[in-house]
Amino acid sequence: MNLYPSLLNLSIEEYQQQLDLVLNSGVIKVIQVDIIDGHFADNLTITPLDLVGIDHDELEIDFHLMTEEPMDYVRELVEIKDGLPIRAIIAQVERMSFQLEYVQELKAQGWKVGLSLDLHTPVSAIDENVWDELDIIQLMTIESGFQGQKFNQHALEKIIEIKKLAKKDVEIIVDGGVKADLADLLTEYGVGGVAMGSGIWRATEPLDAIHQYSQLMS
């Protein structure tokens, strides 16, 4: 499994501090940056535009869009893409009007295509016309918008369903509440990645936590 440190930040200063820790770890290639607009979830983060010009060295970014109408943010990202090392966009389906348009735009930009399902959103919310184009399906295993919650095992049922429906090798990422004792179970279910926030940032030594979880999941 891949470890994706999840950066859910209210300020650029906090983002830079966490980014520096990830860079210093030397073991992470991709980070996940949460973008929340205050409408999808009761929280408000920094925006992609805030990150333009920040030195990410060789790190790539997966943007997790927890927003009203994610396509609005995709269009913004297209405008500023030269200033950001974007690997993938992973957007919540719940407020997305046209999944096919979203997928087509990401493919045109050469970005990995990801969709994310909230904790109580069924797999059937994914448009049957986009399954062939998906690179990533992310499952929220906590309530969206805040870190520090407990892993909800309801997501395991969704993983089984996704494995049956996926028409190609889709990376399944779980986001929220993952602890060390879940690593074997998630591997058994075929999870490809873990987006981890509080497990790292609320640890006594976040740098040690990155190394420990990275080794555990490798």
N, C-alpha and C. Protein backbone atom coordinates (compact mmCIF):
# COMPACT_ATOMS: atom_id res chain seq x y z
N MET A 1 0.84 -1.20 0.00
CA MET A 1 0.00 0.00 0.00
C MET A 1 0.87 1.25 0.00
N ASN A 2 0.34 2.28 -0.63
CA ASN A 2 1.00 3.58 -0.62
C ASN A 2 0.49 4.43 0.54
N LEU A 3 1.38 5.16 1.16
CA LEU A 3 1.00 6.11 2.19
C LEU A 3 0.97 7.51 1.59
N TYR A 4 -0.18 8.16 1.69
CA TYR A 4 -0.34 9.52 1.20
C TYR A 4 -0.62 10.44 2.39
N PRO A 5 0.37 11.14 2.90
CA PRO A 5 0.09 12.11 3.96
C PRO A 5 -0.95 13.12 3.49
N SER A 6 -1.96 13.32 4.32
CA SER A 6 -3.07 14.20 3.96
C SER A 6 -2.91 15.54 4.67
N LEU A 7 -2.85 16.59 3.88
CA LEU A 7 -2.66 17.94 4.42
C LEU A 7 -3.98 18.69 4.34
N LEU A 8 -4.60 18.89 5.49
CA LEU A 8 -5.85 19.64 5.60
C LEU A 8 -5.53 20.89 6.41
N ASN A 9 -5.29 21.97 5.70
CA ASN A 9 -4.70 23.14 6.35
C ASN A 9 -5.58 24.37 6.28
N LEU A 10 -5.56 25.12 7.36
CA LEU A 10 -6.30 26.37 7.42
C LEU A 10 -5.41 27.57 7.10
N SER A 11 -4.10 27.34 7.04
CA SER A 11 -3.17 28.45 6.77
C SER A 11 -1.99 27.95 5.95
N ILE A 12 -1.37 28.87 5.22
CA ILE A 12 -0.18 28.55 4.44
C ILE A 12 0.97 28.17 5.36
N GLU A 13 1.06 28.82 6.50
CA GLU A 13 2.15 28.53 7.44
C GLU A 13 2.10 27.07 7.90
N GLU A 14 0.91 26.60 8.24
CA GLU A 14 0.75 25.21 8.66
C GLU A 14 1.07 24.26 7.51
N TYR A 15 0.63 24.60 6.31
CA TYR A 15 0.92 23.78 5.14
C TYR A 15 2.43 23.64 4.94
N GLN A 16 3.13 24.75 5.00
CA GLN A 16 4.58 24.74 4.79
C GLN A 16 5.28 23.89 5.84
N GLN A 17 4.84 23.97 7.09
CA GLN A 17 5.44 23.17 8.16
C GLN A 17 5.26 21.68 7.89
N GLN A 18 4.06 21.29 7.49
CA GLN A 18 3.80 19.88 7.23
C GLN A 18 4.52 19.42 5.96
N LEU A 19 4.55 20.27 4.96
CA LEU A 19 5.27 19.94 3.73
C LEU A 19 6.74 19.71 4.01
N ASP A 20 7.35 20.55 4.82
CA ASP A 20 8.76 20.40 5.16
C ASP A 20 9.03 19.07 5.85
N LEU A 21 8.12 18.66 6.74
CA LEU A 21 8.27 17.37 7.42
C LEU A 21 8.22 16.22 6.42
N VAL A 22 7.28 16.29 5.49
CA VAL A 22 7.17 15.24 4.48
C VAL A 22 8.43 15.18 3.63
N LEU A 23 8.91 16.33 3.21
CA LEU A 23 10.13 16.38 2.40
C LEU A 23 11.32 15.82 3.16
N ASN A 24 11.41 16.15 4.44
CA ASN A 24 12.53 15.67 5.25
C ASN A 24 12.47 14.17 5.50
N SER A 25 11.29 13.58 5.38
CA SER A 25 11.17 12.13 5.61
C SER A 25 11.91 11.33 4.56
N GLY A 26 11.92 11.83 3.33
CA GLY A 26 12.62 11.14 2.26
C GLY A 26 11.96 9.87 1.76
N VAL A 27 10.74 9.57 2.23
CA VAL A 27 10.10 8.30 1.86
C VAL A 27 8.76 8.50 1.15
N ILE A 28 8.33 9.74 0.97
CA ILE A 28 7.03 10.03 0.38
C ILE A 28 7.20 10.64 -1.00
N LYS A 29 6.43 10.14 -1.97
CA LYS A 29 6.47 10.67 -3.32
C LYS A 29 5.25 11.52 -3.67
N VAL A 30 4.13 11.24 -3.00
CA VAL A 30 2.87 11.93 -3.31
C VAL A 30 2.18 12.33 -2.01
N ILE A 31 1.71 13.57 -1.95
CA ILE A 31 0.88 14.01 -0.83
C ILE A 31 -0.54 14.25 -1.33
N GLN A 32 -1.48 14.17 -0.40
CA GLN A 32 -2.86 14.51 -0.74
C GLN A 32 -3.22 15.82 -0.03
N VAL A 33 -3.70 16.77 -0.80
CA VAL A 33 -4.07 18.08 -0.26
C VAL A 33 -5.58 18.21 -0.29
N ASP A 34 -6.17 18.38 0.88
CA ASP A 34 -7.62 18.51 1.00
C ASP A 34 -8.05 19.96 0.74
N ILE A 35 -9.00 20.12 -0.16
CA ILE A 35 -9.57 21.42 -0.45
C ILE A 35 -11.05 21.38 -0.05
N ILE A 36 -11.40 22.17 0.95
CA ILE A 36 -12.77 22.21 1.47
C ILE A 36 -13.28 23.65 1.39
N ASP A 37 -14.48 23.80 0.84
CA ASP A 37 -14.97 25.15 0.55
C ASP A 37 -15.93 25.71 1.60
N GLY A 38 -16.15 24.97 2.68
CA GLY A 38 -17.05 25.45 3.72
C GLY A 38 -18.50 25.14 3.47
N HIS A 39 -18.81 24.55 2.30
CA HIS A 39 -20.19 24.19 1.96
C HIS A 39 -20.38 22.68 2.00
N PHE A 40 -19.47 21.95 1.35
CA PHE A 40 -19.57 20.48 1.37
C PHE A 40 -19.39 19.95 2.79
N ALA A 41 -18.45 20.51 3.50
CA ALA A 41 -18.22 20.18 4.90
C ALA A 41 -18.09 21.49 5.68
N ASP A 42 -18.34 21.41 6.96
CA ASP A 42 -18.33 22.62 7.80
C ASP A 42 -16.90 22.98 8.19
N ASN A 43 -16.14 23.34 7.18
CA ASN A 43 -14.73 23.64 7.37
C ASN A 43 -14.29 24.46 6.16
N LEU A 44 -13.18 25.15 6.26
CA LEU A 44 -12.68 25.97 5.16
C LEU A 44 -11.16 25.92 5.17
N THR A 45 -10.59 25.48 4.04
CA THR A 45 -9.14 25.31 3.96
C THR A 45 -8.53 26.35 3.03
N ILE A 46 -7.21 26.26 2.90
CA ILE A 46 -6.52 27.01 1.87
C ILE A 46 -7.00 26.55 0.50
N THR A 47 -6.69 27.31 -0.53
CA THR A 47 -7.11 26.99 -1.90
C THR A 47 -5.89 26.59 -2.73
N PRO A 48 -6.11 25.95 -3.88
CA PRO A 48 -4.97 25.61 -4.75
C PRO A 48 -4.13 26.83 -5.13
N LEU A 49 -4.79 27.95 -5.36
CA LEU A 49 -4.06 29.16 -5.75
C LEU A 49 -3.06 29.58 -4.68
N ASP A 50 -3.38 29.31 -3.41
CA ASP A 50 -2.47 29.65 -2.32
C ASP A 50 -1.14 28.90 -2.41
N LEU A 51 -1.15 27.76 -3.11
CA LEU A 51 0.03 26.89 -3.12
C LEU A 51 0.98 27.17 -4.29
N VAL A 52 0.53 27.99 -5.22
CA VAL A 52 1.37 28.30 -6.38
C VAL A 52 2.63 29.02 -5.91
N GLY A 53 3.77 28.54 -6.38
CA GLY A 53 5.04 29.15 -6.01
C GLY A 53 5.74 28.49 -4.85
N ILE A 54 5.05 27.61 -4.12
CA ILE A 54 5.70 26.87 -3.03
C ILE A 54 6.54 25.75 -3.62
N ASP A 55 7.75 25.59 -3.12
CA ASP A 55 8.67 24.58 -3.62
C ASP A 55 8.30 23.21 -3.04
N HIS A 56 7.83 22.31 -3.91
CA HIS A 56 7.49 20.95 -3.48
C HIS A 56 8.60 19.96 -3.81
N ASP A 57 9.72 20.46 -4.29
CA ASP A 57 10.84 19.60 -4.68
C ASP A 57 10.33 18.56 -5.68
N GLU A 58 10.50 17.26 -5.39
CA GLU A 58 10.06 16.23 -6.33
C GLU A 58 8.71 15.62 -5.95
N LEU A 59 8.07 16.16 -4.93
CA LEU A 59 6.75 15.65 -4.53
C LEU A 59 5.69 15.98 -5.57
N GLU A 60 4.72 15.07 -5.70
CA GLU A 60 3.54 15.33 -6.51
C GLU A 60 2.33 15.49 -5.59
N ILE A 61 1.30 16.15 -6.12
CA ILE A 61 0.10 16.42 -5.33
C ILE A 61 -1.11 15.72 -5.93
N ASP A 62 -1.88 15.05 -5.07
CA ASP A 62 -3.24 14.64 -5.40
C ASP A 62 -4.16 15.62 -4.67
N PHE A 63 -4.97 16.34 -5.41
CA PHE A 63 -5.93 17.25 -4.79
C PHE A 63 -7.24 16.51 -4.51
N HIS A 64 -7.67 16.55 -3.25
CA HIS A 64 -8.95 15.96 -2.85
C HIS A 64 -9.95 17.09 -2.71
N LEU A 65 -10.89 17.16 -3.64
CA LEU A 65 -11.84 18.26 -3.69
C LEU A 65 -13.12 17.89 -2.95
N MET A 66 -13.30 18.48 -1.78
CA MET A 66 -14.54 18.32 -1.01
C MET A 66 -15.29 19.64 -1.11
N THR A 67 -15.92 19.83 -2.26
CA THR A 67 -16.47 21.14 -2.61
C THR A 67 -17.81 21.01 -3.32
N GLU A 68 -18.53 22.12 -3.34
CA GLU A 68 -19.67 22.25 -4.25
C GLU A 68 -19.12 22.33 -5.67
N GLU A 69 -19.70 21.60 -6.57
CA GLU A 69 -19.34 21.61 -7.99
C GLU A 69 -17.83 21.57 -8.20
N PRO A 70 -17.21 20.41 -8.04
CA PRO A 70 -15.75 20.28 -8.18
C PRO A 70 -15.21 20.80 -9.51
N MET A 71 -16.02 20.77 -10.57
CA MET A 71 -15.52 21.25 -11.86
C MET A 71 -15.07 22.70 -11.81
N ASP A 72 -15.66 23.49 -10.94
CA ASP A 72 -15.22 24.88 -10.80
C ASP A 72 -13.77 24.93 -10.34
N TYR A 73 -13.39 24.02 -9.46
CA TYR A 73 -12.01 23.97 -8.97
C TYR A 73 -11.09 23.34 -10.01
N VAL A 74 -11.61 22.39 -10.77
CA VAL A 74 -10.80 21.81 -11.85
C VAL A 74 -10.43 22.89 -12.85
N ARG A 75 -11.37 23.73 -13.20
CA ARG A 75 -11.07 24.82 -14.15
C ARG A 75 -10.02 25.76 -13.58
N GLU A 76 -10.10 26.02 -12.29
CA GLU A 76 -9.08 26.86 -11.65
C GLU A 76 -7.72 26.19 -11.71
N LEU A 77 -7.69 24.89 -11.46
CA LEU A 77 -6.43 24.15 -11.48
C LEU A 77 -5.82 24.13 -12.88
N VAL A 78 -6.65 24.05 -13.89
CA VAL A 78 -6.14 24.09 -15.27
C VAL A 78 -5.43 25.42 -15.52
N GLU A 79 -5.97 26.50 -14.98
CA GLU A 79 -5.39 27.82 -15.19
C GLU A 79 -4.04 27.98 -14.49
N ILE A 80 -3.84 27.27 -13.37
CA ILE A 80 -2.61 27.47 -12.58
C ILE A 80 -1.73 26.22 -12.56
N LYS A 81 -1.99 25.30 -13.48
CA LYS A 81 -1.33 23.99 -13.43
C LYS A 81 0.19 24.08 -13.56
N ASP A 82 0.70 25.09 -14.25
CA ASP A 82 2.15 25.20 -14.43
C ASP A 82 2.86 25.50 -13.11
N GLY A 83 2.12 25.97 -12.11
CA GLY A 83 2.73 26.29 -10.83
C GLY A 83 2.55 25.23 -9.77
N LEU A 84 1.99 24.06 -10.16
CA LEU A 84 1.71 23.01 -9.19
C LEU A 84 2.05 21.63 -9.76
N PRO A 85 2.67 20.76 -8.96
CA PRO A 85 3.03 19.42 -9.43
C PRO A 85 1.86 18.44 -9.27
N ILE A 86 0.84 18.59 -10.10
CA ILE A 86 -0.39 17.81 -9.95
C ILE A 86 -0.22 16.41 -10.56
N ARG A 87 -0.54 15.39 -9.76
CA ARG A 87 -0.58 14.01 -10.26
C ARG A 87 -2.01 13.56 -10.52
N ALA A 88 -2.91 13.88 -9.57
CA ALA A 88 -4.29 13.40 -9.67
C ALA A 88 -5.25 14.40 -9.04
N ILE A 89 -6.49 14.32 -9.48
CA ILE A 89 -7.59 15.03 -8.83
C ILE A 89 -8.58 13.96 -8.36
N ILE A 90 -8.95 14.06 -7.09
CA ILE A 90 -9.91 13.12 -6.51
C ILE A 90 -11.06 13.97 -5.96
N ALA A 91 -12.21 13.90 -6.59
CA ALA A 91 -13.32 14.78 -6.22
C ALA A 91 -14.50 13.99 -5.68
N GLN A 92 -15.16 14.58 -4.71
CA GLN A 92 -16.37 13.97 -4.16
C GLN A 92 -17.48 13.99 -5.21
N VAL A 93 -18.19 12.86 -5.33
CA VAL A 93 -19.24 12.76 -6.35
C VAL A 93 -20.53 13.45 -5.92
N GLU A 94 -20.69 13.68 -4.63
CA GLU A 94 -22.00 14.08 -4.10
C GLU A 94 -22.51 15.41 -4.64
N ARG A 95 -21.61 16.33 -4.95
CA ARG A 95 -22.03 17.65 -5.45
C ARG A 95 -21.54 17.88 -6.88
N MET A 96 -21.27 16.79 -7.59
CA MET A 96 -20.75 16.88 -8.96
C MET A 96 -21.90 16.66 -9.95
N SER A 97 -22.16 17.65 -10.78
CA SER A 97 -23.29 17.57 -11.71
C SER A 97 -23.03 16.63 -12.87
N PHE A 98 -21.81 16.67 -13.43
CA PHE A 98 -21.52 15.91 -14.64
C PHE A 98 -20.20 15.16 -14.48
N GLN A 99 -20.28 13.90 -14.10
CA GLN A 99 -19.08 13.11 -13.88
C GLN A 99 -18.29 12.92 -15.18
N LEU A 100 -18.99 12.73 -16.29
CA LEU A 100 -18.30 12.48 -17.55
C LEU A 100 -17.48 13.70 -17.98
N GLU A 101 -18.03 14.89 -17.83
CA GLU A 101 -17.28 16.12 -18.16
C GLU A 101 -16.03 16.22 -17.29
N TYR A 102 -16.18 15.92 -16.02
CA TYR A 102 -15.05 15.94 -15.09
C TYR A 102 -13.95 14.98 -15.53
N VAL A 103 -14.34 13.76 -15.85
CA VAL A 103 -13.37 12.75 -16.27
C VAL A 103 -12.66 13.18 -17.55
N GLN A 104 -13.41 13.66 -18.51
CA GLN A 104 -12.83 14.06 -19.79
C GLN A 104 -11.82 15.19 -19.63
N GLU A 105 -12.11 16.16 -18.76
CA GLU A 105 -11.19 17.27 -18.55
C GLU A 105 -9.90 16.80 -17.92
N LEU A 106 -9.99 15.92 -16.94
CA LEU A 106 -8.78 15.41 -16.28
C LEU A 106 -7.94 14.59 -17.25
N LYS A 107 -8.59 13.78 -18.08
CA LYS A 107 -7.85 13.00 -19.07
C LYS A 107 -7.14 13.93 -20.05
N ALA A 108 -7.80 15.01 -20.44
CA ALA A 108 -7.21 15.96 -21.38
C ALA A 108 -5.97 16.62 -20.79
N GLN A 109 -5.95 16.79 -19.47
CA GLN A 109 -4.81 17.42 -18.80
C GLN A 109 -3.70 16.42 -18.48
N GLY A 110 -3.97 15.13 -18.66
CA GLY A 110 -2.97 14.11 -18.35
C GLY A 110 -2.88 13.79 -16.87
N TRP A 111 -3.92 14.13 -16.11
CA TRP A 111 -3.94 13.85 -14.67
C TRP A 111 -4.66 12.54 -14.41
N LYS A 112 -4.27 11.87 -13.34
CA LYS A 112 -5.00 10.68 -12.92
C LYS A 112 -6.40 11.10 -12.48
N VAL A 113 -7.37 10.25 -12.80
CA VAL A 113 -8.77 10.56 -12.55
C VAL A 113 -9.24 9.83 -11.30
N GLY A 114 -9.70 10.60 -10.32
CA GLY A 114 -10.18 10.00 -9.09
C GLY A 114 -11.56 10.50 -8.70
N LEU A 115 -12.35 9.60 -8.15
CA LEU A 115 -13.63 9.97 -7.54
C LEU A 115 -13.62 9.49 -6.10
N SER A 116 -14.28 10.25 -5.25
CA SER A 116 -14.34 9.90 -3.83
C SER A 116 -15.79 9.79 -3.38
N LEU A 117 -16.04 8.78 -2.55
CA LEU A 117 -17.38 8.55 -2.01
C LEU A 117 -17.38 8.86 -0.52
N ASP A 118 -18.32 9.69 -0.11
CA ASP A 118 -18.47 9.98 1.31
C ASP A 118 -18.86 8.71 2.06
N LEU A 119 -18.77 8.77 3.37
CA LEU A 119 -18.97 7.58 4.20
C LEU A 119 -20.28 6.87 3.90
N HIS A 120 -21.35 7.62 3.67
CA HIS A 120 -22.67 7.02 3.49
C HIS A 120 -23.14 7.03 2.04
N THR A 121 -22.25 7.35 1.11
CA THR A 121 -22.60 7.37 -0.31
C THR A 121 -22.37 6.00 -0.93
N PRO A 122 -23.38 5.44 -1.61
CA PRO A 122 -23.22 4.10 -2.19
C PRO A 122 -22.33 4.11 -3.43
N VAL A 123 -21.77 2.96 -3.75
CA VAL A 123 -20.93 2.82 -4.94
C VAL A 123 -21.74 3.13 -6.20
N SER A 124 -23.03 2.89 -6.15
CA SER A 124 -23.90 3.15 -7.31
C SER A 124 -23.95 4.63 -7.69
N ALA A 125 -23.43 5.51 -6.84
CA ALA A 125 -23.38 6.94 -7.17
C ALA A 125 -22.38 7.23 -8.28
N ILE A 126 -21.49 6.30 -8.57
CA ILE A 126 -20.54 6.47 -9.67
C ILE A 126 -21.24 6.16 -10.98
N ASP A 127 -21.20 7.10 -11.90
CA ASP A 127 -21.83 6.96 -13.22
C ASP A 127 -21.23 5.75 -13.93
N GLU A 128 -22.09 4.87 -14.43
CA GLU A 128 -21.60 3.66 -15.10
C GLU A 128 -20.78 3.98 -16.34
N ASN A 129 -20.92 5.18 -16.89
CA ASN A 129 -20.20 5.57 -18.11
C ASN A 129 -18.76 6.00 -17.85
N VAL A 130 -18.36 6.13 -16.58
CA VAL A 130 -17.00 6.61 -16.31
C VAL A 130 -16.10 5.54 -15.70
N TRP A 131 -16.63 4.38 -15.41
CA TRP A 131 -15.82 3.35 -14.74
C TRP A 131 -14.54 3.03 -15.50
N ASP A 132 -14.63 2.96 -16.83
CA ASP A 132 -13.45 2.59 -17.64
C ASP A 132 -12.32 3.59 -17.52
N GLU A 133 -12.63 4.83 -17.15
CA GLU A 133 -11.63 5.90 -17.14
C GLU A 133 -11.05 6.19 -15.76
N LEU A 134 -11.55 5.55 -14.74
CA LEU A 134 -11.11 5.87 -13.38
C LEU A 134 -9.77 5.22 -13.05
N ASP A 135 -8.89 6.01 -12.46
CA ASP A 135 -7.61 5.50 -11.95
C ASP A 135 -7.67 5.28 -10.45
N ILE A 136 -8.48 6.07 -9.76
CA ILE A 136 -8.54 6.05 -8.30
C ILE A 136 -9.99 6.13 -7.84
N ILE A 137 -10.35 5.30 -6.88
CA ILE A 137 -11.60 5.47 -6.15
C ILE A 137 -11.23 5.59 -4.67
N GLN A 138 -11.59 6.71 -4.09
CA GLN A 138 -11.28 6.94 -2.68
C GLN A 138 -12.54 6.80 -1.84
N LEU A 139 -12.41 6.11 -0.75
CA LEU A 139 -13.53 5.89 0.16
C LEU A 139 -13.28 6.63 1.46
N MET A 140 -14.18 7.55 1.78
CA MET A 140 -14.09 8.20 3.08
C MET A 140 -14.51 7.20 4.15
N THR A 141 -13.66 7.01 5.13
CA THR A 141 -13.94 6.06 6.21
C THR A 141 -14.20 6.79 7.52
N ILE A 142 -14.39 8.10 7.40
CA ILE A 142 -14.83 8.96 8.50
C ILE A 142 -15.80 9.98 7.89
N GLU A 143 -16.43 10.79 8.72
CA GLU A 143 -17.25 11.89 8.22
C GLU A 143 -16.32 12.94 7.59
N SER A 144 -16.69 13.44 6.43
CA SER A 144 -15.83 14.36 5.68
C SER A 144 -15.58 15.66 6.42
N GLY A 145 -14.35 16.18 6.24
CA GLY A 145 -14.05 17.54 6.64
C GLY A 145 -13.17 17.71 7.85
N PHE A 146 -13.07 16.70 8.71
CA PHE A 146 -12.29 16.84 9.93
C PHE A 146 -11.48 15.58 10.20
N GLN A 147 -10.25 15.76 10.66
CA GLN A 147 -9.39 14.63 10.99
C GLN A 147 -9.58 14.23 12.45
N GLY A 148 -9.08 13.02 12.78
CA GLY A 148 -9.09 12.58 14.17
C GLY A 148 -10.25 11.68 14.55
N GLN A 149 -11.00 11.18 13.55
CA GLN A 149 -12.14 10.31 13.83
C GLN A 149 -11.74 8.84 13.71
N LYS A 150 -12.64 7.96 14.13
CA LYS A 150 -12.39 6.52 14.11
C LYS A 150 -12.77 5.92 12.76
N PHE A 151 -11.98 4.96 12.30
CA PHE A 151 -12.22 4.24 11.05
C PHE A 151 -13.57 3.52 11.10
N ASN A 152 -14.38 3.71 10.05
CA ASN A 152 -15.68 3.06 9.96
C ASN A 152 -15.59 1.88 8.98
N GLN A 153 -15.80 0.68 9.48
CA GLN A 153 -15.58 -0.52 8.66
C GLN A 153 -16.67 -0.76 7.63
N HIS A 154 -17.67 0.10 7.58
CA HIS A 154 -18.68 0.02 6.52
C HIS A 154 -18.03 0.11 5.14
N ALA A 155 -16.89 0.77 5.08
CA ALA A 155 -16.19 0.93 3.80
C ALA A 155 -15.72 -0.39 3.22
N LEU A 156 -15.51 -1.38 4.05
CA LEU A 156 -15.02 -2.67 3.57
C LEU A 156 -16.02 -3.31 2.61
N GLU A 157 -17.31 -3.13 2.87
CA GLU A 157 -18.34 -3.65 1.97
C GLU A 157 -18.26 -2.97 0.61
N LYS A 158 -17.96 -1.69 0.61
CA LYS A 158 -17.83 -0.96 -0.65
C LYS A 158 -16.63 -1.47 -1.46
N ILE A 159 -15.56 -1.81 -0.77
CA ILE A 159 -14.37 -2.31 -1.46
C ILE A 159 -14.71 -3.57 -2.23
N ILE A 160 -15.44 -4.47 -1.62
CA ILE A 160 -15.85 -5.71 -2.28
C ILE A 160 -16.67 -5.39 -3.53
N GLU A 161 -17.59 -4.44 -3.41
CA GLU A 161 -18.44 -4.07 -4.54
C GLU A 161 -17.62 -3.43 -5.66
N ILE A 162 -16.68 -2.57 -5.30
CA ILE A 162 -15.83 -1.93 -6.31
C ILE A 162 -15.01 -2.96 -7.07
N LYS A 163 -14.47 -3.93 -6.36
CA LYS A 163 -13.67 -4.98 -7.00
C LYS A 163 -14.49 -5.74 -8.05
N LYS A 164 -15.78 -5.88 -7.81
CA LYS A 164 -16.65 -6.58 -8.76
C LYS A 164 -16.97 -5.71 -9.98
N LEU A 165 -17.08 -4.40 -9.77
CA LEU A 165 -17.54 -3.50 -10.83
C LEU A 165 -16.41 -2.90 -11.66
N ALA A 166 -15.23 -2.76 -11.08
CA ALA A 166 -14.12 -2.09 -11.77
C ALA A 166 -13.72 -2.86 -13.02
N LYS A 167 -13.58 -2.13 -14.12
CA LYS A 167 -13.24 -2.76 -15.39
C LYS A 167 -11.74 -2.71 -15.68
N LYS A 168 -11.00 -2.07 -14.80
CA LYS A 168 -9.54 -2.08 -14.92
C LYS A 168 -8.96 -1.98 -13.52
N ASP A 169 -7.65 -1.95 -13.44
CA ASP A 169 -6.98 -1.96 -12.14
C ASP A 169 -7.06 -0.58 -11.50
N VAL A 170 -8.10 -0.35 -10.74
CA VAL A 170 -8.32 0.93 -10.07
C VAL A 170 -7.66 0.89 -8.69
N GLU A 171 -6.93 1.95 -8.34
CA GLU A 171 -6.37 2.04 -7.00
C GLU A 171 -7.45 2.48 -6.03
N ILE A 172 -7.68 1.67 -5.01
CA ILE A 172 -8.63 2.02 -3.96
C ILE A 172 -7.86 2.63 -2.80
N ILE A 173 -8.24 3.86 -2.45
CA ILE A 173 -7.62 4.57 -1.33
C ILE A 173 -8.67 4.75 -0.24
N VAL A 174 -8.27 4.50 0.99
CA VAL A 174 -9.16 4.79 2.12
C VAL A 174 -8.64 6.02 2.83
N ASP A 175 -9.57 6.84 3.30
CA ASP A 175 -9.22 8.14 3.87
C ASP A 175 -9.93 8.31 5.20
N GLY A 176 -9.15 8.19 6.29
CA GLY A 176 -9.70 8.53 7.59
C GLY A 176 -9.67 7.43 8.63
N GLY A 177 -9.04 7.72 9.75
CA GLY A 177 -9.11 6.85 10.91
C GLY A 177 -8.28 5.59 10.87
N VAL A 178 -7.37 5.48 9.91
CA VAL A 178 -6.58 4.25 9.80
C VAL A 178 -5.49 4.24 10.87
N LYS A 179 -5.42 3.13 11.60
CA LYS A 179 -4.38 2.91 12.60
C LYS A 179 -3.52 1.72 12.17
N ALA A 180 -2.41 1.54 12.87
CA ALA A 180 -1.46 0.49 12.51
C ALA A 180 -2.09 -0.89 12.49
N ASP A 181 -3.03 -1.14 13.41
CA ASP A 181 -3.60 -2.48 13.51
C ASP A 181 -4.56 -2.82 12.37
N LEU A 182 -4.82 -1.88 11.47
CA LEU A 182 -5.69 -2.14 10.32
C LEU A 182 -4.91 -2.48 9.06
N ALA A 183 -3.60 -2.38 9.10
CA ALA A 183 -2.79 -2.55 7.88
C ALA A 183 -3.01 -3.90 7.22
N ASP A 184 -2.97 -4.96 8.00
CA ASP A 184 -3.12 -6.31 7.43
C ASP A 184 -4.51 -6.50 6.83
N LEU A 185 -5.53 -6.00 7.51
CA LEU A 185 -6.90 -6.13 7.02
C LEU A 185 -7.09 -5.39 5.71
N LEU A 186 -6.56 -4.18 5.62
CA LEU A 186 -6.70 -3.40 4.40
C LEU A 186 -5.95 -4.04 3.24
N THR A 187 -4.79 -4.60 3.53
CA THR A 187 -4.05 -5.32 2.50
C THR A 187 -4.85 -6.51 1.99
N GLU A 188 -5.46 -7.23 2.91
CA GLU A 188 -6.28 -8.40 2.57
C GLU A 188 -7.43 -8.01 1.65
N TYR A 189 -7.99 -6.84 1.85
CA TYR A 189 -9.12 -6.39 1.03
C TYR A 189 -8.67 -5.74 -0.28
N GLY A 190 -7.37 -5.62 -0.50
CA GLY A 190 -6.88 -5.08 -1.75
C GLY A 190 -6.80 -3.58 -1.83
N VAL A 191 -6.73 -2.92 -0.68
CA VAL A 191 -6.58 -1.46 -0.66
C VAL A 191 -5.19 -1.09 -1.18
N GLY A 192 -5.14 -0.10 -2.06
CA GLY A 192 -3.86 0.29 -2.65
C GLY A 192 -3.18 1.46 -1.99
N GLY A 193 -3.94 2.24 -1.22
CA GLY A 193 -3.35 3.42 -0.60
C GLY A 193 -4.16 3.89 0.59
N VAL A 194 -3.47 4.60 1.48
CA VAL A 194 -4.10 5.18 2.66
C VAL A 194 -3.76 6.66 2.71
N ALA A 195 -4.80 7.51 2.74
CA ALA A 195 -4.60 8.94 2.98
C ALA A 195 -4.67 9.15 4.49
N MET A 196 -3.59 9.66 5.06
CA MET A 196 -3.50 9.74 6.52
C MET A 196 -3.21 11.16 6.97
N GLY A 197 -4.06 11.66 7.85
CA GLY A 197 -3.88 12.99 8.40
C GLY A 197 -3.50 12.98 9.85
N SER A 198 -4.48 12.83 10.73
CA SER A 198 -4.22 12.95 12.17
C SER A 198 -3.28 11.88 12.69
N GLY A 199 -3.27 10.70 12.05
CA GLY A 199 -2.34 9.65 12.47
C GLY A 199 -0.90 10.10 12.40
N ILE A 200 -0.64 11.05 11.50
CA ILE A 200 0.70 11.63 11.38
C ILE A 200 0.80 12.92 12.19
N TRP A 201 -0.10 13.86 11.91
CA TRP A 201 0.08 15.22 12.43
C TRP A 201 -0.22 15.36 13.92
N ARG A 202 -0.97 14.43 14.49
CA ARG A 202 -1.23 14.47 15.93
C ARG A 202 -0.32 13.53 16.71
N ALA A 203 0.59 12.88 16.01
CA ALA A 203 1.58 12.04 16.69
C ALA A 203 2.57 12.93 17.45
N THR A 204 3.18 12.37 18.48
CA THR A 204 4.17 13.11 19.25
C THR A 204 5.32 13.55 18.36
N GLU A 205 5.73 12.64 17.47
CA GLU A 205 6.80 12.93 16.51
C GLU A 205 6.29 12.62 15.11
N PRO A 206 5.73 13.58 14.41
CA PRO A 206 5.16 13.32 13.08
C PRO A 206 6.14 12.69 12.09
N LEU A 207 7.40 13.10 12.15
CA LEU A 207 8.38 12.53 11.23
C LEU A 207 8.56 11.04 11.48
N ASP A 208 8.61 10.65 12.75
CA ASP A 208 8.70 9.22 13.08
C ASP A 208 7.45 8.48 12.61
N ALA A 209 6.30 9.12 12.75
CA ALA A 209 5.05 8.48 12.33
C ALA A 209 5.04 8.21 10.83
N ILE A 210 5.55 9.16 10.05
CA ILE A 210 5.64 8.95 8.60
C ILE A 210 6.49 7.73 8.29
N HIS A 211 7.63 7.64 8.93
CA HIS A 211 8.52 6.50 8.69
C HIS A 211 7.88 5.19 9.12
N GLN A 212 7.24 5.18 10.28
CA GLN A 212 6.65 3.96 10.80
C GLN A 212 5.50 3.46 9.93
N TYR A 213 4.61 4.36 9.56
CA TYR A 213 3.47 3.95 8.72
C TYR A 213 3.93 3.59 7.31
N SER A 214 4.90 4.30 6.79
CA SER A 214 5.41 3.98 5.47
C SER A 214 6.02 2.58 5.44
N GLN A 215 6.78 2.26 6.46
CA GLN A 215 7.39 0.93 6.53
C GLN A 215 6.33 -0.15 6.73
N LEU A 216 5.33 0.14 7.55
CA LEU A 216 4.27 -0.82 7.83
C LEU A 216 3.47 -1.16 6.58
N MET A 217 3.28 -0.18 5.72
CA MET A 217 2.43 -0.38 4.54
C MET A 217 3.19 -0.84 3.31
N SER A 218 4.50 -0.83 3.39
CA SER A 218 5.28 -1.20 2.20
C SER A 218 5.34 -2.71 2.01
